[in-house]
Amino acid sequence: MSSPRLEIDLDKIHHNARTLTGRLARRGIAVTGVVKATLGSAEIANVLLNAGVETLGDSRIENLKALRMAHIHAPLTLIRSPMLSQAEQVVMYSDSSHNTEIEVIRALSAAATKAQVTHGIILMVELGDLREGIMPCDLPGVVRQTAELPNIRFIGIGANLACRSGVTPDRNNMEELSRLADEIDSLPGAKPASKTGVVSGGNSANLQWVTSCTDCGRVNNLRLGESILLGCDPLQRQPLDGLHSDAIVLVAEVIESNEKPSMPWGDIAQNAFGETVTAPDRGRVHQSILAIGEQDTDPEGLVPSAGIAVLGASSDHLIIESSHGPVQLGAEVSFGLNYSALLRAMTSPFVHKAMKGTRYDAAGPNRPPIAA
């Protein structure tokens, strides 16, 4: 089998998605399955839909286009604010998009009118993480302007936390989001088109809040990616109860295996990535090199098995140490991944994607197509 590769267990991903959609459905919350880390994989998208995910989301319109071309029968939403230059593609390949700029929404309106389609808009609100979001005080005005545009349908509001600054979703910021939804719905003279339907509370980082809260308020949607694919909680990167954390593993081949000194010698300057490396002298160690590097994954996001330690990496080499003795030349070494390592490995054309488990067609077994 080709190496390096990602080994992707579709049945484990299905279990994770089915478990989470079931838990959230009992709280009145639907799931948008975020597939950006899968690079527009139709196979994984179909697994999610069969498991109960209602909508698919991605931050790249190119991935949504790939899903459309694969005849995925589900609503698709662009979860990053659209580029002005891609307005026509956005209305062509997605049913809705997350937005913060009224100028962009006007461009989407013009593109949707030209294409004779209606495009849905979710307005993102800033709740403290300081990534995307309209300031709460400005939200009512943007809602009014959005609702008046032709071929645009205001769907609702959303928020994103824990991605840039690590701000935790909690009772205070989620209650603020619900309050904003109520405020929009009670605006004087508000048209039916400006009523809030979807209230998308956030991403996988919201799962702890859902578990701990007694009332989820107006929040009726979460966008889940990492928790489904990797079975972990993004806040502390701990495994989630009842989920598989090994649905995706990275495998790489040993191309050199030697006993070497643990400390470099000679004058030390910056390495290839501008870092100054220091290492304690631990004598001679069993060092191996794997045929994968920074170009293919995030070495700091790899989780080795017991007895293996990641020492460092360059563009095309990953250096490990084995406490069990020398690793045989040509042997394969497996790693768990965090989200950063998965994202980069999935994007690399040099990392093969090997899927196993149940395949589903575009609608899934016994599942009727969802109208886009």
Protein backbone atom coordinates (compact mmCIF):
# COMPACT_ATOMS: atom_id res chain seq x y z
CA MET A 1 0.00 0.00 0.00
CA SER A 2 1.23 3.50 -0.85
CA SER A 3 2.96 5.55 1.82
CA PRO A 4 2.65 8.07 3.37
CA ARG A 5 -1.11 7.70 3.69
CA LEU A 6 -4.12 8.57 5.76
CA GLU A 7 -6.09 5.49 6.75
CA ILE A 8 -9.71 6.60 7.02
CA ASP A 9 -12.25 4.33 8.70
CA LEU A 10 -15.65 5.34 7.34
CA ASP A 11 -17.54 3.15 9.81
CA LYS A 12 -15.90 4.91 12.77
CA ILE A 13 -16.68 8.31 11.27
CA HIS A 14 -20.28 7.16 10.75
CA HIS A 15 -20.47 6.08 14.39
CA ASN A 16 -19.13 9.43 15.60
CA ALA A 17 -21.54 11.39 13.40
CA ARG A 18 -24.54 9.21 14.32
CA THR A 19 -23.73 9.49 18.04
CA LEU A 20 -23.36 13.27 17.99
CA THR A 21 -26.39 13.96 15.81
CA GLY A 22 -28.47 11.76 18.12
CA ARG A 23 -27.27 13.49 21.28
CA LEU A 24 -27.85 16.95 19.83
CA ALA A 25 -31.25 16.08 18.34
CA ARG A 26 -32.47 15.40 21.87
CA ARG A 27 -31.59 19.04 22.65
CA GLY A 28 -33.32 20.34 19.52
CA ILE A 29 -30.03 21.03 17.73
CA ALA A 30 -29.33 20.03 14.12
CA VAL A 31 -25.82 19.39 12.80
CA THR A 32 -24.02 20.96 9.88
CA GLY A 33 -21.21 18.56 9.01
CA VAL A 34 -18.04 20.53 8.29
CA VAL A 35 -16.06 18.73 5.61
CA LYS A 36 -13.27 21.23 4.93
CA ALA A 37 -10.66 18.88 6.44
CA THR A 38 -11.70 16.17 3.95
CA LEU A 39 -10.98 18.27 0.86
CA GLY A 40 -14.45 17.87 -0.60
CA SER A 41 -14.58 14.09 -0.19
CA ALA A 42 -17.91 12.85 -1.53
CA GLU A 43 -17.41 9.50 0.24
CA ILE A 44 -17.10 11.11 3.66
CA ALA A 45 -19.92 13.54 2.89
CA ASN A 46 -22.23 10.64 2.13
CA VAL A 47 -21.24 8.93 5.37
CA LEU A 48 -22.19 12.05 7.32
CA LEU A 49 -25.53 12.42 5.56
CA ASN A 50 -26.39 8.79 6.18
CA ALA A 51 -25.54 9.27 9.86
CA GLY A 52 -28.06 12.09 10.29
CA VAL A 53 -26.17 15.26 9.38
CA GLU A 54 -28.63 17.64 7.69
CA THR A 55 -26.36 20.18 6.00
CA LEU A 56 -22.76 20.14 4.79
CA GLY A 57 -20.46 23.11 5.35
CA ASP A 58 -17.06 24.07 3.99
CA SER A 59 -14.93 27.21 4.00
CA ARG A 60 -13.73 26.74 0.40
CA ILE A 61 -16.11 27.10 -2.52
CA GLU A 62 -13.85 24.75 -4.51
CA ASN A 63 -14.72 21.92 -2.10
CA LEU A 64 -18.43 22.68 -2.31
CA LYS A 65 -18.16 22.64 -6.09
CA ALA A 66 -16.57 19.19 -5.87
CA LEU A 67 -19.50 17.99 -3.76
CA ARG A 68 -22.00 19.42 -6.25
CA MET A 69 -20.17 17.76 -9.13
CA ALA A 70 -20.36 14.47 -7.19
CA HIS A 71 -24.18 14.87 -7.07
CA ILE A 72 -24.39 15.23 -3.30
CA HIS A 73 -28.08 15.71 -2.47
CA ALA A 74 -27.93 17.99 0.56
CA PRO A 75 -27.96 21.69 1.35
CA LEU A 76 -24.43 23.11 1.10
CA THR A 77 -23.30 26.17 3.01
CA LEU A 78 -20.12 28.23 2.70
CA ILE A 79 -18.98 28.79 6.29
CA ARG A 80 -16.35 31.44 5.52
CA SER A 81 -17.36 34.93 4.43
CA PRO A 82 -17.40 34.88 0.61
CA MET A 83 -14.84 36.71 -1.47
CA LEU A 84 -16.32 39.46 -3.62
CA SER A 85 -14.49 37.94 -6.58
CA GLN A 86 -16.28 34.58 -6.06
CA ALA A 87 -19.87 35.82 -5.70
CA GLU A 88 -21.07 34.05 -8.86
CA GLN A 89 -19.47 30.76 -7.81
CA VAL A 90 -20.92 31.05 -4.31
CA VAL A 91 -24.51 31.27 -5.53
CA MET A 92 -23.87 28.54 -8.09
CA TYR A 93 -22.34 25.92 -5.79
CA SER A 94 -23.78 26.69 -2.35
CA ASP A 95 -27.31 27.15 -1.08
CA SER A 96 -26.31 29.57 1.67
CA SER A 97 -23.30 31.33 3.10
CA HIS A 98 -22.07 32.91 6.31
CA ASN A 99 -21.61 36.66 5.93
CA THR A 100 -20.45 39.77 7.77
CA GLU A 101 -20.18 42.43 5.04
CA ILE A 102 -23.26 44.01 3.45
CA GLU A 103 -21.24 44.86 0.32
CA VAL A 104 -20.58 41.16 -0.19
CA ILE A 105 -24.25 40.32 0.38
CA ARG A 106 -25.21 42.89 -2.28
CA ALA A 107 -22.80 41.19 -4.69
CA LEU A 108 -24.40 37.82 -3.85
CA SER A 109 -27.81 39.37 -4.51
CA ALA A 110 -26.71 40.58 -7.93
CA ALA A 111 -25.19 37.20 -8.79
CA ALA A 112 -28.26 35.32 -7.55
CA THR A 113 -30.59 37.59 -9.53
CA LYS A 114 -28.53 37.00 -12.67
CA ALA A 115 -28.59 33.21 -12.09
CA GLN A 116 -32.31 33.29 -11.20
CA VAL A 117 -31.76 31.55 -7.87
CA THR A 118 -32.32 32.48 -4.23
CA HIS A 119 -29.32 32.43 -1.90
CA GLY A 120 -29.57 32.05 1.87
CA ILE A 121 -27.67 34.29 4.28
CA ILE A 122 -26.55 33.56 7.85
CA LEU A 123 -25.15 36.66 9.51
CA MET A 124 -22.22 35.97 11.82
CA VAL A 125 -22.02 37.88 15.09
CA GLU A 126 -18.86 38.79 17.00
CA LEU A 127 -19.04 37.38 20.54
CA GLY A 128 -15.45 37.88 21.70
CA ASP A 129 -13.14 35.52 19.83
CA LEU A 130 -12.23 38.34 17.43
CA ARG A 131 -12.37 36.40 14.21
CA GLU A 132 -15.34 37.04 11.89
CA GLY A 133 -18.52 38.68 13.10
CA ILE A 134 -20.72 41.76 13.00
CA MET A 135 -20.64 43.75 16.23
CA PRO A 136 -23.91 43.06 18.10
CA CYS A 137 -24.98 46.69 18.08
CA ASP A 138 -24.77 46.77 14.27
CA LEU A 139 -26.63 43.52 13.68
CA PRO A 140 -30.24 44.81 13.43
CA GLY A 141 -29.30 47.28 10.70
CA VAL A 142 -27.50 44.64 8.65
CA VAL A 143 -30.49 42.30 9.03
CA ARG A 144 -32.84 44.96 7.66
CA GLN A 145 -30.60 45.67 4.67
CA THR A 146 -30.14 41.97 3.96
CA ALA A 147 -33.87 41.19 4.08
CA GLU A 148 -34.61 43.89 1.47
CA LEU A 149 -32.24 42.54 -1.20
CA PRO A 150 -33.67 40.63 -4.18
CA ASN A 151 -32.98 36.90 -4.50
CA ILE A 152 -31.57 36.84 -0.97
CA ARG A 153 -33.18 34.98 1.91
CA PHE A 154 -32.17 35.86 5.46
CA ILE A 155 -31.90 32.49 7.21
CA GLY A 156 -30.58 33.42 10.63
CA ILE A 157 -27.53 34.26 12.69
CA GLY A 158 -24.47 32.44 13.94
CA ALA A 159 -21.34 32.81 16.00
CA ASN A 160 -17.87 31.32 16.08
CA LEU A 161 -15.74 30.89 19.18
CA ALA A 162 -12.53 29.12 20.24
CA CYS A 163 -10.86 29.33 16.80
CA ARG A 164 -8.68 32.43 16.94
CA SER A 165 -8.46 33.46 20.58
CA GLY A 166 -9.71 30.31 22.30
CA VAL A 167 -12.75 32.00 23.86
CA THR A 168 -14.90 29.24 25.37
CA PRO A 169 -18.59 28.95 24.46
CA ASP A 170 -20.46 29.38 27.74
CA ARG A 171 -23.79 30.42 29.19
CA ASN A 172 -23.05 34.14 28.86
CA ASN A 173 -22.11 34.27 25.18
CA MET A 174 -24.71 31.70 24.13
CA GLU A 175 -27.45 33.58 26.00
CA GLU A 176 -26.27 36.72 24.20
CA LEU A 177 -26.72 34.95 20.87
CA SER A 178 -30.25 33.88 21.81
CA ARG A 179 -31.01 37.42 22.98
CA LEU A 180 -29.88 38.81 19.63
CA ALA A 181 -32.17 36.37 17.82
CA ASP A 182 -35.08 37.56 19.95
CA GLU A 183 -34.15 41.19 19.31
CA ILE A 184 -34.14 40.67 15.55
CA ASP A 185 -37.52 38.96 15.63
CA SER A 186 -39.04 41.83 17.61
CA LEU A 187 -37.73 44.69 15.46
CA PRO A 188 -40.49 47.23 14.79
CA GLY A 189 -41.95 46.68 11.35
CA ALA A 190 -39.83 43.61 10.77
CA LYS A 191 -40.86 41.67 7.68
CA PRO A 192 -41.32 37.89 7.77
CA ALA A 193 -38.17 37.70 5.63
CA SER A 194 -36.15 39.16 8.51
CA LYS A 195 -37.22 36.58 11.09
CA THR A 196 -34.50 34.38 12.54
CA GLY A 197 -34.75 30.68 11.69
CA VAL A 198 -31.29 29.21 12.16
CA VAL A 199 -29.28 30.14 15.23
CA SER A 200 -25.91 28.46 14.70
CA GLY A 201 -24.18 28.50 18.06
CA GLY A 202 -20.73 27.48 16.92
CA ASN A 203 -18.54 24.47 16.31
CA SER A 204 -17.27 21.33 18.06
CA ALA A 205 -16.02 23.54 20.90
CA ASN A 206 -19.68 24.07 21.89
CA LEU A 207 -20.23 20.44 22.89
CA GLN A 208 -19.15 20.99 26.50
CA TRP A 209 -21.63 23.86 26.78
CA VAL A 210 -24.44 21.70 25.36
CA THR A 211 -23.66 18.98 27.89
CA SER A 212 -23.62 21.36 30.85
CA CYS A 213 -26.50 23.71 30.02
CA THR A 214 -30.07 23.08 31.12
CA ASP A 215 -31.53 25.28 28.37
CA CYS A 216 -29.92 25.81 24.95
CA GLY A 217 -32.11 28.85 24.30
CA ARG A 218 -32.53 29.71 20.61
CA VAL A 219 -29.46 27.74 19.50
CA ASN A 220 -30.69 25.09 17.07
CA ASN A 221 -27.59 24.33 14.97
CA LEU A 222 -23.93 23.45 15.49
CA ARG A 223 -21.21 23.08 12.87
CA LEU A 224 -19.22 19.94 13.67
CA GLY A 225 -16.00 18.81 12.01
CA GLU A 226 -13.22 17.91 14.43
CA SER A 227 -15.47 16.09 16.88
CA ILE A 228 -16.83 13.84 14.12
CA LEU A 229 -13.56 13.13 12.33
CA LEU A 230 -11.26 12.87 15.34
CA GLY A 231 -13.66 12.16 18.21
CA CYS A 232 -12.21 14.81 20.47
CA ASP A 233 -13.17 18.05 22.19
CA PRO A 234 -11.28 21.02 20.64
CA LEU A 235 -11.12 22.96 23.91
CA GLN A 236 -8.71 20.58 25.64
CA ARG A 237 -8.21 17.99 22.87
CA GLN A 238 -9.60 15.26 25.09
CA PRO A 239 -11.46 12.22 23.66
CA LEU A 240 -15.24 12.56 23.73
CA ASP A 241 -17.16 9.87 25.56
CA GLY A 242 -18.44 7.13 23.28
CA LEU A 243 -16.58 8.32 20.16
CA HIS A 244 -13.69 6.87 18.18
CA SER A 245 -10.54 9.01 18.33
CA ASP A 246 -8.71 6.78 15.83
CA ALA A 247 -11.04 7.05 12.84
CA ILE A 248 -8.17 8.61 10.88
CA VAL A 249 -4.49 7.70 11.32
CA LEU A 250 -1.35 8.73 9.46
CA VAL A 251 1.13 6.09 8.28
CA ALA A 252 4.67 6.83 7.06
CA GLU A 253 7.61 4.67 5.98
CA VAL A 254 11.09 4.52 7.52
CA ILE A 255 13.78 5.55 5.01
CA GLU A 256 16.74 5.65 7.42
CA SER A 257 17.38 3.94 10.74
CA ASN A 258 20.56 4.56 12.73
CA GLU A 259 22.00 5.03 16.17
CA LYS A 260 23.09 8.65 16.39
CA PRO A 261 24.12 11.25 18.95
CA SER A 262 21.17 13.03 20.55
CA MET A 263 22.83 16.45 20.33
CA PRO A 264 23.97 18.17 17.11
CA TRP A 265 27.53 19.44 16.85
CA GLY A 266 29.12 22.41 15.11
CA ASP A 267 28.10 26.07 15.06
CA ILE A 268 24.31 26.31 15.42
CA ALA A 269 22.30 28.80 13.33
CA GLN A 270 18.66 28.81 12.23
CA ASN A 271 17.23 25.73 10.62
CA ALA A 272 15.17 25.61 7.41
CA PHE A 273 12.14 27.11 9.16
CA GLY A 274 13.91 29.91 11.01
CA GLU A 275 14.11 28.06 14.32
CA THR A 276 17.13 27.71 16.60
CA VAL A 277 17.14 24.13 17.79
CA THR A 278 18.58 23.12 21.15
CA ALA A 279 18.75 19.55 22.38
CA PRO A 280 20.13 18.06 25.59
CA ASP A 281 22.90 15.50 25.40
CA ARG A 282 21.31 12.14 26.15
CA GLY A 283 24.02 10.09 24.55
CA ARG A 284 23.33 7.95 21.52
CA VAL A 285 19.71 7.19 20.57
CA HIS A 286 17.86 5.03 18.06
CA GLN A 287 16.87 7.61 15.44
CA SER A 288 14.77 6.94 12.35
CA ILE A 289 13.67 9.15 9.47
CA LEU A 290 10.22 8.85 7.90
CA ALA A 291 9.33 9.94 4.36
CA ILE A 292 7.00 12.78 5.35
CA GLY A 293 7.58 16.32 6.54
CA GLU A 294 6.36 19.84 7.12
CA GLN A 295 5.11 20.03 3.53
CA ASP A 296 2.68 17.20 4.24
CA THR A 297 1.49 17.58 7.81
CA ASP A 298 1.98 19.42 11.11
CA PRO A 299 4.65 17.40 12.96
CA GLU A 300 3.65 18.98 16.28
CA GLY A 301 0.12 17.65 15.75
CA LEU A 302 1.17 14.01 15.41
CA VAL A 303 0.45 11.62 18.28
CA PRO A 304 2.95 8.72 18.27
CA SER A 305 2.41 5.35 19.88
CA ALA A 306 4.14 4.38 23.15
CA GLY A 307 7.91 4.22 22.84
CA ILE A 308 8.08 6.61 19.87
CA ALA A 309 8.91 10.32 20.17
CA VAL A 310 8.93 12.93 17.41
CA LEU A 311 12.28 14.75 17.54
CA GLY A 312 11.81 17.20 14.70
CA ALA A 313 11.09 17.66 11.03
CA SER A 314 12.18 19.41 7.86
CA SER A 315 10.24 19.86 4.64
CA ASP A 316 10.36 16.19 3.64
CA HIS A 317 11.74 14.34 6.67
CA LEU A 318 10.21 13.43 10.03
CA ILE A 319 12.75 12.38 12.66
CA ILE A 320 11.64 10.04 15.42
CA GLU A 321 13.31 8.24 18.31
CA SER A 322 12.42 4.74 19.43
CA SER A 323 12.98 3.56 22.99
CA HIS A 324 12.32 -0.02 21.87
CA GLY A 325 15.46 -0.28 19.80
CA PRO A 326 16.09 0.36 16.10
CA VAL A 327 13.10 0.57 13.74
CA GLN A 328 13.55 -1.59 10.66
CA LEU A 329 14.24 0.13 7.36
CA GLY A 330 11.06 0.04 5.26
CA ALA A 331 8.81 -0.42 8.29
CA GLU A 332 5.69 1.72 8.64
CA VAL A 333 4.97 3.87 11.68
CA SER A 334 1.44 5.05 12.57
CA PHE A 335 0.37 8.28 14.28
CA GLY A 336 -2.80 9.78 15.61
CA LEU A 337 -3.46 13.35 14.48
CA ASN A 338 -4.83 16.58 15.82
CA TYR A 339 -6.91 18.84 13.58
CA SER A 340 -3.93 20.82 12.30
CA ALA A 341 -2.03 17.68 11.28
CA LEU A 342 -5.14 16.21 9.63
CA LEU A 343 -5.90 19.39 7.70
CA ARG A 344 -2.42 19.59 6.20
CA ALA A 345 -2.14 15.87 5.49
CA MET A 346 -5.50 15.80 3.73
CA THR A 347 -4.46 18.77 1.61
CA SER A 348 -1.09 17.30 0.60
CA PRO A 349 -1.11 15.57 -2.82
CA PHE A 350 1.79 13.44 -1.58
CA VAL A 351 -0.27 11.80 1.17
CA HIS A 352 -2.49 9.03 -0.17
CA LYS A 353 -6.02 8.64 1.19
CA ALA A 354 -6.96 5.03 1.91
CA MET A 355 -10.61 4.59 2.91
CA LYS A 356 -12.11 1.45 4.36
CA GLY A 357 -15.57 0.56 5.60
CA THR A 358 -19.10 1.07 4.33
CA ARG A 359 -19.60 3.23 1.25
CA TYR A 360 -22.86 5.09 0.73
CA ASP A 361 -24.30 6.48 -2.46
CA ALA A 362 -25.29 10.11 -2.91
CA ALA A 363 -28.45 9.72 -0.84
CA GLY A 364 -27.36 6.92 1.49
CA PRO A 365 -29.16 3.58 1.90
CA ASN A 366 -32.90 4.10 2.41
CA ARG A 367 -32.39 7.84 2.74
CA PRO A 368 -34.35 10.07 0.34
CA PRO A 369 -32.46 12.91 -1.32
CA ILE A 370 -32.62 16.26 0.46
CA ALA A 371 -33.79 19.12 -1.71
CA ALA A 372 -30.99 21.63 -2.23
